[in-house]
Protein backbone atom coordinates (compact mmCIF):
# COMPACT_ATOMS: atom_id res chain seq x y z
CA MET A 1 0.00 0.00 0.00
CA ALA A 2 1.36 3.42 -0.91
CA ASP A 3 2.00 5.98 1.83
CA SER A 4 -0.88 8.16 0.62
CA GLU A 5 -3.27 5.17 0.75
CA THR A 6 -2.07 4.27 4.24
CA HIS A 7 -2.53 7.86 5.38
CA ALA A 8 -6.05 8.01 3.91
CA THR A 9 -6.96 4.74 5.63
CA ASP A 10 -5.56 5.98 8.95
CA ASN A 11 -7.62 9.17 8.63
CA ARG A 12 -10.81 7.20 8.00
CA VAL A 13 -10.15 4.96 11.00
CA GLN A 14 -9.43 7.96 13.22
CA ARG A 15 -12.74 9.57 12.18
CA ILE A 16 -14.81 6.51 13.12
CA LEU A 17 -12.99 5.58 16.34
CA PRO A 18 -15.08 7.90 18.57
CA THR A 19 -18.25 6.32 17.20
CA ILE A 20 -16.93 2.82 17.82
CA GLU A 21 -15.89 3.79 21.35
CA ARG A 22 -19.39 5.20 22.06
CA LEU A 23 -20.97 2.01 20.73
CA HIS A 24 -18.65 -0.08 22.91
CA ALA A 25 -19.59 1.95 25.99
CA ASP A 26 -23.31 1.77 25.15
CA LEU A 27 -23.12 -2.01 24.72
CA ALA A 28 -21.14 -2.45 27.94
CA SER A 29 -23.60 -0.37 29.97
CA ALA A 30 -26.70 -1.85 28.26
CA ALA A 31 -27.67 1.67 27.12
CA TRP A 32 -27.88 0.49 23.51
CA GLN A 33 -30.33 -2.24 24.50
CA ARG A 34 -32.47 0.23 26.49
CA ILE A 35 -32.51 2.87 23.75
CA ARG A 36 -33.20 0.39 20.95
CA ALA A 37 -35.40 -2.15 22.73
CA ASP A 38 -37.94 -1.89 19.90
CA LEU A 39 -35.35 -3.22 17.45
CA LEU A 40 -34.49 -6.16 19.66
CA SER A 41 -38.12 -7.28 19.83
CA ARG A 42 -38.54 -7.45 16.04
CA ASP A 43 -38.25 -10.65 14.04
CA ALA A 44 -37.23 -8.72 10.92
CA ALA A 45 -36.60 -5.18 9.72
CA ASP A 46 -36.63 -3.65 6.24
CA HIS A 47 -34.24 -0.72 6.04
CA GLY A 48 -34.69 -0.23 2.33
CA TYR A 49 -31.36 -1.67 1.25
CA ARG A 50 -31.45 -3.44 -2.10
CA LEU A 51 -28.81 -5.28 -4.06
CA LEU A 52 -28.92 -4.64 -7.78
CA ILE A 53 -26.81 -6.69 -10.12
CA ALA A 54 -26.39 -5.44 -13.67
CA GLY A 55 -25.07 -7.54 -16.45
CA LYS A 56 -25.87 -9.93 -19.20
CA THR A 57 -28.28 -12.76 -18.46
CA ASN A 58 -29.42 -15.84 -20.33
CA ARG A 59 -33.11 -15.24 -19.74
CA GLY A 60 -35.46 -16.54 -22.36
CA THR A 61 -33.07 -19.14 -23.69
CA ALA A 62 -33.92 -22.81 -23.58
């Protein structure tokens, strides 16, 4: 990996570390579970994410 790529990766990691640390603290204290109890009681959730795959297909061929 080039120095510029390493630096960019380090910057991205440094930006998300506080969020990860907050999540860790929330999980350790059970705050996450209290705040998001409604999510834990669900069997499923649809967050609108979809996977689209573009490309050639063999549809309609025997």
